[in-house]
Amino acid sequence: MTRSARGSVEAPGRRVAQKAGLNRGILANGWGALVRRLEDKAPVRVVKIDPRNTSQTCNACGHVAGESRESQAVFLCVACGFGSTPT
């Protein structure tokens, strides 16, 4: 449903701006519907959290530091040494 309407050089798409706006609306509302459905099915188990700094927070000690995240796949806490690497 959210495929681009841009087309190609040989066959350019029509109404690309309108389709882009529709895509934004579909994608923005999709997450809200998912959260609502999960809350209906498991009201106590769904917890909304603030996403800020979640990838830089140590699960063991709670320390927040950007230096702990070496890459997207590798985390090594600079405070306690807790680390996780891909398997």
C-alpha atoms as a PDB file:
ATOM      1  CA  MET A   1       0.000   0.000   0.000  1.00  0.00           C
ATOM      2  CA  THR A   2       2.844   2.408   0.654  1.00  0.00           C
ATOM      3  CA  ARG A   3       4.828   1.701  -2.496  1.00  0.00           C
ATOM      4  CA  SER A   4       6.241   4.811  -4.170  1.00  0.00           C
ATOM      5  CA  ALA A   5       4.407   6.359  -7.140  1.00  0.00           C
ATOM      6  CA  ARG A   6       7.576   7.929  -8.538  1.00  0.00           C
ATOM      7  CA  GLY A   7       7.980   5.552 -11.451  1.00  0.00           C
ATOM      8  CA  SER A   8      11.066   5.702 -13.663  1.00  0.00           C
ATOM      9  CA  VAL A   9      12.645   8.092 -16.145  1.00  0.00           C
ATOM     10  CA  GLU A  10      10.936   6.350 -19.055  1.00  0.00           C
ATOM     11  CA  ALA A  11       7.543   6.103 -17.334  1.00  0.00           C
ATOM     12  CA  PRO A  12       7.249   8.787 -14.645  1.00  0.00           C
ATOM     13  CA  GLY A  13       4.524   8.414 -12.058  1.00  0.00           C
ATOM     14  CA  ARG A  14       1.445  10.596 -11.697  1.00  0.00           C
ATOM     15  CA  ARG A  15       0.223  12.381  -8.565  1.00  0.00           C
ATOM     16  CA  VAL A  16       3.443  11.617  -6.708  1.00  0.00           C
ATOM     17  CA  ALA A  17       2.946  14.343  -4.057  1.00  0.00           C
ATOM     18  CA  GLN A  18      -0.536  13.102  -3.178  1.00  0.00           C
ATOM     19  CA  LYS A  19       0.718   9.524  -2.899  1.00  0.00           C
ATOM     20  CA  ALA A  20       3.602  10.636  -0.653  1.00  0.00           C
ATOM     21  CA  GLY A  21       1.128  12.338   1.688  1.00  0.00           C
ATOM     22  CA  LEU A  22      -1.055   9.247   1.778  1.00  0.00           C
ATOM     23  CA  ASN A  23       1.988   7.082   2.560  1.00  0.00           C
ATOM     24  CA  ARG A  24       2.947   9.342   5.473  1.00  0.00           C
ATOM     25  CA  GLY A  25      -0.564   9.069   6.881  1.00  0.00           C
ATOM     26  CA  ILE A  26      -0.681   5.284   6.557  1.00  0.00           C
ATOM     27  CA  LEU A  27       2.717   4.778   8.169  1.00  0.00           C
ATOM     28  CA  ALA A  28       2.046   7.253  10.997  1.00  0.00           C
ATOM     29  CA  ASN A  29      -1.240   5.595  11.977  1.00  0.00           C
ATOM     30  CA  GLY A  30       0.013   2.030  11.698  1.00  0.00           C
ATOM     31  CA  TRP A  31       2.009   2.085  14.953  1.00  0.00           C
ATOM     32  CA  GLY A  32      -0.848   3.582  16.933  1.00  0.00           C
ATOM     33  CA  ALA A  33      -3.209   0.842  15.793  1.00  0.00           C
ATOM     34  CA  LEU A  34      -0.673  -1.821  16.739  1.00  0.00           C
ATOM     35  CA  VAL A  35      -0.217  -0.391  20.237  1.00  0.00           C
ATOM     36  CA  ARG A  36      -3.995  -0.110  20.716  1.00  0.00           C
ATOM     37  CA  ARG A  37      -4.533  -3.716  19.673  1.00  0.00           C
ATOM     38  CA  LEU A  38      -1.774  -4.942  21.997  1.00  0.00           C
ATOM     39  CA  GLU A  39      -3.209  -2.952  24.901  1.00  0.00           C
ATOM     40  CA  ASP A  40      -6.627  -4.503  24.263  1.00  0.00           C
ATOM     41  CA  LYS A  41      -5.217  -8.023  24.274  1.00  0.00           C
ATOM     42  CA  ALA A  42      -2.755  -7.617  27.180  1.00  0.00           C
ATOM     43  CA  PRO A  43      -3.614  -4.419  29.078  1.00  0.00           C
ATOM     44  CA  VAL A  44      -1.166  -4.866  31.959  1.00  0.00           C
ATOM     45  CA  ARG A  45       1.783  -6.218  29.973  1.00  0.00           C
ATOM     46  CA  VAL A  46       2.166  -3.353  27.463  1.00  0.00           C
ATOM     47  CA  VAL A  47       4.400  -0.590  28.803  1.00  0.00           C
ATOM     48  CA  LYS A  48       5.148   2.539  26.791  1.00  0.00           C
ATOM     49  CA  ILE A  49       8.680   3.833  27.349  1.00  0.00           C
ATOM     50  CA  ASP A  50      10.526   6.998  26.374  1.00  0.00           C
ATOM     51  CA  PRO A  51      12.749   5.967  23.427  1.00  0.00           C
ATOM     52  CA  ARG A  52      15.438   8.576  24.121  1.00  0.00           C
ATOM     53  CA  ASN A  53      18.864   7.059  24.899  1.00  0.00           C
ATOM     54  CA  THR A  54      17.525   3.483  25.012  1.00  0.00           C
ATOM     55  CA  SER A  55      20.336   2.227  22.777  1.00  0.00           C
ATOM     56  CA  GLN A  56      22.943   3.932  24.998  1.00  0.00           C
ATOM     57  CA  THR A  57      21.629   2.698  28.377  1.00  0.00           C
ATOM     58  CA  CYS A  58      23.292  -0.262  30.071  1.00  0.00           C
ATOM     59  CA  ASN A  59      20.860  -3.030  31.003  1.00  0.00           C
ATOM     60  CA  ALA A  60      22.984  -4.085  33.979  1.00  0.00           C
ATOM     61  CA  CYS A  61      23.749  -0.787  35.759  1.00  0.00           C
ATOM     62  CA  GLY A  62      21.560   1.812  33.999  1.00  0.00           C
ATOM     63  CA  HIS A  63      24.484   4.088  33.035  1.00  0.00           C
ATOM     64  CA  VAL A  64      23.858   6.216  29.912  1.00  0.00           C
ATOM     65  CA  ALA A  65      26.825   6.999  27.661  1.00  0.00           C
ATOM     66  CA  GLY A  66      27.174   7.333  23.909  1.00  0.00           C
ATOM     67  CA  GLU A  67      30.676   5.874  24.126  1.00  0.00           C
ATOM     68  CA  SER A  68      29.205   2.519  25.219  1.00  0.00           C
ATOM     69  CA  ARG A  69      27.745   1.927  21.766  1.00  0.00           C
ATOM     70  CA  GLU A  70      30.691   1.010  19.497  1.00  0.00           C
ATOM     71  CA  SER A  71      28.395   0.165  16.581  1.00  0.00           C
ATOM     72  CA  GLN A  72      24.774  -0.785  16.047  1.00  0.00           C
ATOM     73  CA  ALA A  73      25.573  -4.409  16.887  1.00  0.00           C
ATOM     74  CA  VAL A  74      28.185  -3.994  19.646  1.00  0.00           C
ATOM     75  CA  PHE A  75      27.543  -2.545  23.126  1.00  0.00           C
ATOM     76  CA  LEU A  76      30.135  -2.330  25.922  1.00  0.00           C
ATOM     77  CA  CYS A  77      29.289  -0.302  29.031  1.00  0.00           C
ATOM     78  CA  VAL A  78      32.041   2.162  29.974  1.00  0.00           C
ATOM     79  CA  ALA A  79      30.926   2.150  33.636  1.00  0.00           C
ATOM     80  CA  CYS A  80      30.533  -1.529  34.564  1.00  0.00           C
ATOM     81  CA  GLY A  81      31.947  -3.441  31.573  1.00  0.00           C
ATOM     82  CA  PHE A  82      28.688  -5.192  30.685  1.00  0.00           C
ATOM     83  CA  GLY A  83      28.701  -6.025  27.002  1.00  0.00           C
ATOM     84  CA  SER A  84      26.658  -7.623  24.312  1.00  0.00           C
ATOM     85  CA  THR A  85      27.808  -8.722  20.892  1.00  0.00           C
ATOM     86  CA  PRO A  86      25.956 -10.455  18.065  1.00  0.00           C
ATOM     87  CA  THR A  87      25.984 -14.237  18.077  1.00  0.00           C
END
